N, C-alpha and C. Protein backbone atom coordinates (compact mmCIF):
# COMPACT_ATOMS: atom_id res chain seq x y z
N MET A 1 -35.64 153.29 80.55
CA MET A 1 -34.24 153.62 80.52
C MET A 1 -34.11 155.01 79.91
N GLU A 2 -33.42 155.87 80.61
CA GLU A 2 -33.29 157.26 80.16
C GLU A 2 -32.50 157.37 78.86
N ASN A 3 -31.37 156.65 78.77
CA ASN A 3 -30.58 156.62 77.54
C ASN A 3 -29.74 155.35 77.54
N TYR A 4 -29.04 155.15 76.46
CA TYR A 4 -28.25 153.92 76.29
C TYR A 4 -26.75 154.16 76.45
N ASP A 5 -26.36 155.34 76.93
CA ASP A 5 -24.95 155.72 76.97
C ASP A 5 -24.06 154.75 77.74
N ASN A 6 -24.55 154.17 78.81
CA ASN A 6 -23.71 153.31 79.64
C ASN A 6 -23.98 151.82 79.45
N LEU A 7 -24.81 151.48 78.49
CA LEU A 7 -25.15 150.08 78.22
C LEU A 7 -23.96 149.39 77.56
N ASN A 8 -23.43 148.34 78.22
CA ASN A 8 -22.33 147.61 77.60
C ASN A 8 -22.69 146.15 77.32
N THR A 9 -23.74 145.63 77.94
CA THR A 9 -24.19 144.26 77.70
C THR A 9 -25.67 144.29 77.33
N LEU A 10 -26.01 143.61 76.26
CA LEU A 10 -27.40 143.54 75.81
C LEU A 10 -27.78 142.08 75.64
N TRP A 11 -28.75 141.62 76.41
CA TRP A 11 -29.23 140.23 76.35
C TRP A 11 -30.74 140.28 76.21
N ILE A 12 -31.23 139.90 75.04
CA ILE A 12 -32.68 139.88 74.79
C ILE A 12 -33.01 138.55 74.13
N ASP A 13 -33.86 137.75 74.78
CA ASP A 13 -34.31 136.47 74.24
C ASP A 13 -35.83 136.50 74.12
N ASP A 14 -36.33 136.11 72.95
CA ASP A 14 -37.77 135.90 72.74
C ASP A 14 -38.64 137.02 73.29
N THR A 15 -38.27 138.25 73.05
CA THR A 15 -39.05 139.37 73.58
C THR A 15 -39.50 140.25 72.41
N PRO A 16 -40.82 140.43 72.25
CA PRO A 16 -41.31 141.27 71.15
C PRO A 16 -41.29 142.75 71.52
N ASN A 17 -41.43 143.56 70.50
CA ASN A 17 -41.63 145.01 70.64
C ASN A 17 -40.49 145.74 71.35
N ILE A 18 -39.27 145.30 71.14
CA ILE A 18 -38.10 145.98 71.69
C ILE A 18 -37.50 146.82 70.55
N PRO A 19 -37.15 148.07 70.79
CA PRO A 19 -36.58 148.91 69.72
C PRO A 19 -35.11 148.57 69.45
N ILE A 20 -34.88 147.40 68.88
CA ILE A 20 -33.52 146.88 68.68
C ILE A 20 -32.66 147.85 67.89
N GLU A 21 -33.19 148.35 66.77
CA GLU A 21 -32.41 149.26 65.94
C GLU A 21 -31.98 150.48 66.76
N ASN A 22 -32.88 151.06 67.49
CA ASN A 22 -32.59 152.25 68.31
C ASN A 22 -31.54 151.94 69.38
N ILE A 23 -31.69 150.81 70.05
CA ILE A 23 -30.74 150.43 71.10
C ILE A 23 -29.34 150.25 70.51
N LEU A 24 -29.25 149.49 69.41
CA LEU A 24 -27.95 149.20 68.82
C LEU A 24 -27.28 150.45 68.26
N LEU A 25 -28.06 151.34 67.69
CA LEU A 25 -27.48 152.55 67.12
C LEU A 25 -27.03 153.55 68.19
N ASN A 26 -27.64 153.50 69.36
CA ASN A 26 -27.40 154.53 70.37
C ASN A 26 -26.71 154.03 71.63
N SER A 27 -26.00 152.92 71.52
CA SER A 27 -25.26 152.37 72.66
C SER A 27 -23.77 152.38 72.33
N PRO A 28 -23.07 153.48 72.62
CA PRO A 28 -21.67 153.60 72.21
C PRO A 28 -20.71 152.67 72.94
N LYS A 29 -21.09 152.15 74.10
CA LYS A 29 -20.18 151.30 74.88
C LYS A 29 -20.52 149.81 74.79
N LEU A 30 -21.45 149.47 73.91
CA LEU A 30 -21.90 148.09 73.79
C LEU A 30 -20.75 147.18 73.38
N ASP A 31 -20.51 146.11 74.18
CA ASP A 31 -19.42 145.20 73.82
C ASP A 31 -19.78 143.72 73.96
N ARG A 32 -20.96 143.41 74.53
CA ARG A 32 -21.43 142.02 74.60
C ARG A 32 -22.89 141.99 74.21
N VAL A 33 -23.23 141.09 73.26
CA VAL A 33 -24.59 141.07 72.74
C VAL A 33 -25.09 139.64 72.62
N ARG A 34 -26.34 139.45 73.05
CA ARG A 34 -27.07 138.19 72.83
C ARG A 34 -28.49 138.58 72.43
N LEU A 35 -28.81 138.40 71.16
CA LEU A 35 -30.15 138.65 70.62
C LEU A 35 -30.65 137.33 70.06
N VAL A 36 -31.56 136.69 70.75
CA VAL A 36 -31.98 135.34 70.37
C VAL A 36 -33.47 135.29 70.07
N ASN A 37 -33.78 134.71 68.92
CA ASN A 37 -35.15 134.46 68.48
C ASN A 37 -35.99 135.73 68.46
N LEU A 38 -35.42 136.78 67.89
CA LEU A 38 -36.13 138.05 67.79
C LEU A 38 -36.58 138.28 66.36
N THR A 39 -37.64 139.04 66.21
CA THR A 39 -38.07 139.54 64.92
C THR A 39 -38.02 141.05 65.02
N TRP A 40 -37.19 141.65 64.18
CA TRP A 40 -37.07 143.09 64.21
C TRP A 40 -36.87 143.66 62.82
N SER A 41 -37.18 144.92 62.67
CA SER A 41 -37.09 145.60 61.38
C SER A 41 -35.95 146.59 61.40
N VAL A 42 -35.38 146.79 60.22
CA VAL A 42 -34.32 147.78 60.04
C VAL A 42 -34.77 148.74 58.95
N THR A 43 -34.48 150.01 59.15
CA THR A 43 -34.93 151.06 58.24
C THR A 43 -34.43 150.85 56.81
N ASN A 44 -33.13 150.59 56.66
CA ASN A 44 -32.56 150.41 55.32
C ASN A 44 -31.19 149.72 55.43
N GLU A 45 -30.60 149.42 54.29
CA GLU A 45 -29.33 148.69 54.27
C GLU A 45 -28.20 149.49 54.92
N ASP A 46 -28.18 150.80 54.74
CA ASP A 46 -27.11 151.60 55.34
C ASP A 46 -27.16 151.51 56.87
N ILE A 47 -28.34 151.58 57.43
CA ILE A 47 -28.50 151.45 58.89
C ILE A 47 -28.09 150.04 59.33
N LEU A 48 -28.51 149.03 58.56
CA LEU A 48 -28.15 147.65 58.90
C LEU A 48 -26.64 147.46 58.86
N LYS A 49 -25.97 148.10 57.92
CA LYS A 49 -24.51 147.99 57.86
C LYS A 49 -23.86 148.59 59.11
N ILE A 50 -24.37 149.69 59.60
CA ILE A 50 -23.85 150.30 60.83
C ILE A 50 -24.04 149.34 61.99
N ILE A 51 -25.25 148.76 62.09
CA ILE A 51 -25.55 147.81 63.16
C ILE A 51 -24.67 146.57 63.02
N PHE A 52 -24.54 146.06 61.80
CA PHE A 52 -23.74 144.87 61.54
C PHE A 52 -22.29 145.08 61.97
N ASN A 53 -21.72 146.23 61.60
CA ASN A 53 -20.33 146.51 61.98
C ASN A 53 -20.18 146.61 63.49
N LYS A 54 -21.17 147.15 64.16
CA LYS A 54 -21.12 147.21 65.62
C LYS A 54 -21.19 145.80 66.21
N LEU A 55 -22.11 144.98 65.71
CA LEU A 55 -22.25 143.62 66.21
C LEU A 55 -21.00 142.79 65.95
N LYS A 56 -20.34 143.00 64.81
CA LYS A 56 -19.11 142.26 64.50
C LYS A 56 -18.00 142.59 65.49
N SER A 57 -18.04 143.78 66.07
CA SER A 57 -16.98 144.18 67.00
C SER A 57 -17.29 143.76 68.44
N CYS A 58 -18.48 143.23 68.66
CA CYS A 58 -18.89 142.83 70.01
C CYS A 58 -18.62 141.35 70.27
N GLY A 59 -18.40 141.04 71.51
CA GLY A 59 -18.41 139.66 71.95
C GLY A 59 -19.85 139.25 72.19
N GLY A 60 -20.04 138.03 72.63
CA GLY A 60 -21.40 137.56 72.87
C GLY A 60 -21.53 136.88 74.21
N ILE A 61 -22.71 136.29 74.41
CA ILE A 61 -23.03 135.61 75.66
C ILE A 61 -23.77 134.34 75.30
N ASP A 62 -23.32 133.20 75.85
CA ASP A 62 -24.04 131.95 75.58
C ASP A 62 -25.23 131.84 76.52
N ALA A 63 -25.99 130.77 76.38
CA ALA A 63 -27.22 130.59 77.17
C ALA A 63 -26.95 130.50 78.66
N ASN A 64 -25.72 130.15 79.05
CA ASN A 64 -25.37 130.05 80.47
C ASN A 64 -24.75 131.32 81.04
N GLY A 65 -24.66 132.36 80.19
CA GLY A 65 -24.09 133.62 80.65
C GLY A 65 -22.60 133.74 80.46
N ASN A 66 -21.99 132.75 79.83
CA ASN A 66 -20.55 132.79 79.57
C ASN A 66 -20.25 133.63 78.33
N ASN A 67 -19.10 134.26 78.34
CA ASN A 67 -18.68 135.06 77.19
C ASN A 67 -18.40 134.17 75.99
N THR A 68 -18.73 134.68 74.81
CA THR A 68 -18.38 134.04 73.55
C THR A 68 -17.56 135.03 72.74
N GLU A 69 -16.84 134.51 71.77
CA GLU A 69 -15.96 135.35 70.96
C GLU A 69 -16.73 136.36 70.12
N THR A 70 -17.90 135.96 69.64
CA THR A 70 -18.68 136.82 68.76
C THR A 70 -20.09 137.01 69.31
N ALA A 71 -20.74 138.07 68.88
CA ALA A 71 -22.12 138.33 69.28
C ALA A 71 -23.00 137.16 68.85
N VAL A 72 -24.00 136.88 69.64
CA VAL A 72 -24.97 135.83 69.34
C VAL A 72 -26.23 136.52 68.81
N VAL A 73 -26.55 136.27 67.54
CA VAL A 73 -27.69 136.94 66.91
C VAL A 73 -28.47 135.91 66.12
N THR A 74 -29.71 135.64 66.53
CA THR A 74 -30.58 134.70 65.82
C THR A 74 -31.97 135.32 65.67
N GLY A 75 -32.76 134.76 64.78
CA GLY A 75 -34.12 135.23 64.60
C GLY A 75 -34.35 135.75 63.20
N TYR A 76 -35.19 136.76 63.10
CA TYR A 76 -35.60 137.30 61.81
C TYR A 76 -35.40 138.81 61.78
N ILE A 77 -34.90 139.28 60.66
CA ILE A 77 -34.77 140.72 60.46
C ILE A 77 -35.48 141.05 59.15
N THR A 78 -36.33 142.06 59.17
CA THR A 78 -37.04 142.47 57.97
C THR A 78 -36.46 143.78 57.46
N ILE A 79 -36.38 143.86 56.14
CA ILE A 79 -35.82 145.04 55.47
C ILE A 79 -36.46 145.12 54.10
N ASP A 80 -36.58 146.34 53.56
CA ASP A 80 -37.21 146.51 52.25
C ASP A 80 -36.33 146.04 51.10
N ALA A 81 -35.02 146.26 51.22
CA ALA A 81 -34.09 145.87 50.15
C ALA A 81 -32.72 145.64 50.74
N ILE A 82 -31.97 144.71 50.13
CA ILE A 82 -30.61 144.43 50.57
C ILE A 82 -29.83 143.93 49.37
N SER A 83 -28.59 144.36 49.24
CA SER A 83 -27.76 143.88 48.13
C SER A 83 -27.35 142.43 48.40
N ASP A 84 -27.15 141.68 47.34
CA ASP A 84 -26.73 140.29 47.49
C ASP A 84 -25.38 140.20 48.18
N GLU A 85 -24.49 141.14 47.88
CA GLU A 85 -23.16 141.14 48.48
C GLU A 85 -23.25 141.29 50.01
N PHE A 86 -24.07 142.22 50.46
CA PHE A 86 -24.20 142.42 51.90
C PHE A 86 -24.98 141.27 52.54
N LEU A 87 -26.00 140.76 51.86
CA LEU A 87 -26.75 139.61 52.37
C LEU A 87 -25.82 138.44 52.62
N GLU A 88 -24.91 138.21 51.69
CA GLU A 88 -23.97 137.09 51.84
C GLU A 88 -23.07 137.30 53.07
N GLU A 89 -22.56 138.50 53.24
CA GLU A 89 -21.71 138.79 54.39
C GLU A 89 -22.48 138.61 55.70
N LEU A 90 -23.71 139.07 55.72
CA LEU A 90 -24.57 138.93 56.89
C LEU A 90 -24.83 137.46 57.19
N ASN A 91 -25.15 136.67 56.14
CA ASN A 91 -25.40 135.23 56.29
C ASN A 91 -24.18 134.49 56.80
N GLU A 92 -23.01 134.86 56.32
CA GLU A 92 -21.79 134.18 56.73
C GLU A 92 -21.43 134.49 58.18
N THR A 93 -21.72 135.69 58.62
CA THR A 93 -21.36 136.11 59.97
C THR A 93 -22.36 135.63 61.01
N PHE A 94 -23.64 135.79 60.72
CA PHE A 94 -24.70 135.39 61.65
C PHE A 94 -25.58 134.35 60.95
N LYS A 95 -25.13 133.10 61.01
CA LYS A 95 -25.75 132.02 60.25
C LYS A 95 -27.19 131.73 60.65
N GLU A 96 -27.59 132.12 61.84
CA GLU A 96 -28.95 131.84 62.30
C GLU A 96 -29.84 133.08 62.28
N LEU A 97 -29.42 134.11 61.56
CA LEU A 97 -30.23 135.30 61.37
C LEU A 97 -30.86 135.21 59.99
N ILE A 98 -32.17 135.15 59.94
CA ILE A 98 -32.90 135.00 58.69
C ILE A 98 -33.34 136.38 58.22
N VAL A 99 -33.01 136.69 56.96
CA VAL A 99 -33.32 138.00 56.40
C VAL A 99 -34.58 137.90 55.55
N ILE A 100 -35.54 138.76 55.84
CA ILE A 100 -36.80 138.80 55.10
C ILE A 100 -36.84 140.11 54.33
N VAL A 101 -36.90 140.00 53.00
CA VAL A 101 -36.92 141.17 52.13
C VAL A 101 -38.27 141.24 51.44
N ASN A 102 -38.98 142.32 51.68
CA ASN A 102 -40.33 142.50 51.11
C ASN A 102 -41.23 141.29 51.36
N GLY A 103 -41.18 140.77 52.57
CA GLY A 103 -42.08 139.69 52.97
C GLY A 103 -41.62 138.28 52.60
N LYS A 104 -40.46 138.15 51.95
CA LYS A 104 -39.97 136.83 51.56
C LYS A 104 -38.57 136.60 52.11
N THR A 105 -38.34 135.41 52.64
CA THR A 105 -37.00 135.06 53.11
C THR A 105 -36.05 135.07 51.91
N ARG A 106 -34.90 135.70 52.09
CA ARG A 106 -33.89 135.75 51.03
C ARG A 106 -32.61 135.13 51.57
N PHE A 107 -32.01 134.24 50.80
CA PHE A 107 -30.85 133.51 51.27
C PHE A 107 -30.01 133.08 50.07
N PHE A 108 -28.86 132.48 50.34
CA PHE A 108 -28.00 131.97 49.28
C PHE A 108 -28.19 130.47 49.16
N LEU A 109 -28.37 130.02 47.95
CA LEU A 109 -28.44 128.60 47.64
C LEU A 109 -27.04 128.20 47.19
N ARG A 110 -26.50 127.20 47.84
CA ARG A 110 -25.13 126.77 47.55
C ARG A 110 -25.14 125.34 47.02
N TYR A 111 -24.42 125.15 45.94
CA TYR A 111 -24.23 123.82 45.38
C TYR A 111 -22.82 123.39 45.73
N VAL A 112 -22.69 122.23 46.36
CA VAL A 112 -21.38 121.76 46.79
C VAL A 112 -21.07 120.40 46.17
N ASN A 113 -19.78 120.13 46.06
CA ASN A 113 -19.29 118.87 45.52
C ASN A 113 -19.31 117.81 46.61
N TRP A 114 -18.96 116.60 46.26
CA TRP A 114 -18.93 115.47 47.21
C TRP A 114 -18.04 115.77 48.40
N ASN A 115 -17.00 116.58 48.22
CA ASN A 115 -16.07 116.88 49.31
C ASN A 115 -16.38 118.23 49.96
N ASN A 116 -17.54 118.78 49.67
CA ASN A 116 -18.05 120.02 50.24
C ASN A 116 -17.44 121.27 49.62
N ASP A 117 -16.68 121.13 48.53
CA ASP A 117 -16.19 122.31 47.81
C ASP A 117 -17.38 123.01 47.15
N LEU A 118 -17.38 124.32 47.24
CA LEU A 118 -18.46 125.10 46.64
C LEU A 118 -18.33 125.08 45.12
N LEU A 119 -19.41 124.68 44.45
CA LEU A 119 -19.44 124.66 42.99
C LEU A 119 -20.09 125.92 42.42
N TYR A 120 -21.16 126.38 43.09
CA TYR A 120 -21.92 127.52 42.59
C TYR A 120 -22.83 128.01 43.71
N LYS A 121 -23.10 129.31 43.70
CA LYS A 121 -24.04 129.87 44.67
C LYS A 121 -24.72 131.08 44.07
N TYR A 122 -25.92 131.36 44.54
CA TYR A 122 -26.64 132.55 44.12
C TYR A 122 -27.72 132.86 45.15
N ALA A 123 -28.14 134.12 45.16
CA ALA A 123 -29.20 134.55 46.08
C ALA A 123 -30.55 134.19 45.48
N ILE A 124 -31.45 133.75 46.36
CA ILE A 124 -32.77 133.34 45.93
C ILE A 124 -33.77 133.76 47.01
N SER A 125 -34.99 134.04 46.59
CA SER A 125 -36.05 134.40 47.54
C SER A 125 -37.00 133.24 47.72
N GLN A 126 -37.62 133.19 48.88
CA GLN A 126 -38.61 132.16 49.19
C GLN A 126 -39.65 132.11 48.07
N GLY A 127 -39.94 130.90 47.59
CA GLY A 127 -40.94 130.71 46.55
C GLY A 127 -40.38 130.69 45.14
N ASP A 128 -39.13 131.17 44.96
CA ASP A 128 -38.50 131.12 43.63
C ASP A 128 -38.10 129.69 43.32
N ASN A 129 -38.09 129.35 42.05
CA ASN A 129 -37.62 128.03 41.64
C ASN A 129 -36.10 127.99 41.63
N ALA A 130 -35.55 126.92 42.16
CA ALA A 130 -34.10 126.74 42.12
C ALA A 130 -33.68 126.43 40.69
N ILE A 131 -32.47 126.82 40.35
CA ILE A 131 -31.96 126.52 39.02
C ILE A 131 -30.95 125.38 39.12
N ASP A 132 -30.82 124.65 38.06
CA ASP A 132 -29.80 123.62 37.96
C ASP A 132 -28.64 124.25 37.20
N PRO A 133 -27.56 124.62 37.88
CA PRO A 133 -26.47 125.33 37.20
C PRO A 133 -25.75 124.47 36.15
N ILE A 134 -25.89 123.17 36.24
CA ILE A 134 -25.27 122.30 35.24
C ILE A 134 -26.14 122.26 33.98
N ALA A 135 -27.44 122.04 34.18
CA ALA A 135 -28.35 121.99 33.03
C ALA A 135 -28.42 123.33 32.30
N THR A 136 -28.23 124.43 33.03
CA THR A 136 -28.28 125.76 32.41
C THR A 136 -26.93 126.20 31.87
N GLY A 137 -25.88 125.38 32.05
CA GLY A 137 -24.57 125.69 31.51
C GLY A 137 -23.74 126.68 32.33
N LEU A 138 -24.17 126.96 33.55
CA LEU A 138 -23.42 127.88 34.40
C LEU A 138 -22.14 127.26 34.94
N ILE A 139 -22.17 125.95 35.15
CA ILE A 139 -20.98 125.22 35.60
C ILE A 139 -20.95 123.87 34.88
N GLU A 140 -19.78 123.28 34.86
CA GLU A 140 -19.66 121.94 34.29
C GLU A 140 -20.01 120.90 35.34
N ALA A 141 -20.38 119.72 34.88
CA ALA A 141 -20.71 118.63 35.81
C ALA A 141 -19.50 118.32 36.68
N PRO A 142 -19.70 118.15 37.97
CA PRO A 142 -18.58 117.85 38.86
C PRO A 142 -17.99 116.48 38.54
N THR A 143 -16.71 116.35 38.83
CA THR A 143 -16.03 115.08 38.59
C THR A 143 -15.35 114.62 39.87
N ARG A 144 -15.04 113.34 39.90
CA ARG A 144 -14.31 112.77 41.02
C ARG A 144 -13.53 111.59 40.48
N GLU A 145 -12.25 111.55 40.82
CA GLU A 145 -11.44 110.43 40.36
C GLU A 145 -11.85 109.16 41.08
N GLY A 146 -11.81 108.07 40.36
CA GLY A 146 -12.14 106.78 40.94
C GLY A 146 -10.91 105.88 40.98
N THR A 147 -11.17 104.60 41.08
CA THR A 147 -10.10 103.59 41.06
C THR A 147 -10.43 102.61 39.95
N ASP A 148 -9.64 101.57 39.85
CA ASP A 148 -9.93 100.56 38.82
C ASP A 148 -11.29 99.92 39.06
N ASP A 149 -11.67 99.78 40.33
CA ASP A 149 -12.92 99.11 40.67
C ASP A 149 -14.08 100.07 40.90
N THR A 150 -13.79 101.33 41.19
CA THR A 150 -14.84 102.29 41.53
C THR A 150 -14.79 103.46 40.56
N HIS A 151 -15.95 103.80 39.98
CA HIS A 151 -16.04 104.90 39.05
C HIS A 151 -17.16 105.84 39.51
N TYR A 152 -16.92 107.12 39.41
CA TYR A 152 -17.90 108.12 39.82
C TYR A 152 -18.34 108.90 38.59
N THR A 153 -19.65 109.18 38.54
CA THR A 153 -20.17 109.99 37.46
C THR A 153 -21.31 110.87 38.00
N TYR A 154 -21.44 112.05 37.44
CA TYR A 154 -22.51 112.95 37.85
C TYR A 154 -23.82 112.41 37.29
N ARG A 155 -24.86 112.36 38.15
CA ARG A 155 -26.16 111.89 37.71
C ARG A 155 -27.17 113.01 37.61
N GLU A 156 -27.34 113.75 38.71
CA GLU A 156 -28.33 114.83 38.72
C GLU A 156 -28.17 115.64 40.00
N LEU A 157 -28.73 116.82 39.98
CA LEU A 157 -28.81 117.58 41.22
C LEU A 157 -29.99 117.03 42.02
N SER A 158 -29.86 117.03 43.30
CA SER A 158 -30.92 116.53 44.16
C SER A 158 -31.41 117.65 45.06
N ASN A 159 -32.68 117.67 45.35
CA ASN A 159 -33.23 118.68 46.25
C ASN A 159 -33.38 118.16 47.67
N MET A 160 -32.60 117.16 48.01
CA MET A 160 -32.67 116.57 49.36
C MET A 160 -32.13 117.51 50.38
């Protein structure tokens, strides 16, 4: 391909050695994206932010070729460093994109209540020990109202 000036749809599934960063940075008309099960590297967080903002503005394509509201991006992206704030935004937007920082998967560990309310969250890297935010005093033990016959009490965090 001589250049990316007229590229408006990008569909790449399970294909190695594609210059994803270069394509995304140099395709001004890109408006539909499907990047599935790819492993690619990004130079730095500033470049990833540019790519991320472009992907957020694009629609996507499902496996049958139908348009989706948002870009479809899954797989692995490697980067030397990323702020926790940006990692969280990236994780929330592209839930199936795994970020690898200095060779280790980095993600947010979320502690939720019985009703799925978020109690606590923090960024953690693969291989790090999880913390118990209740035992360490970061949050209080969750509560739940019961009835005359049913009583709820916090027992422990589970790694299930």
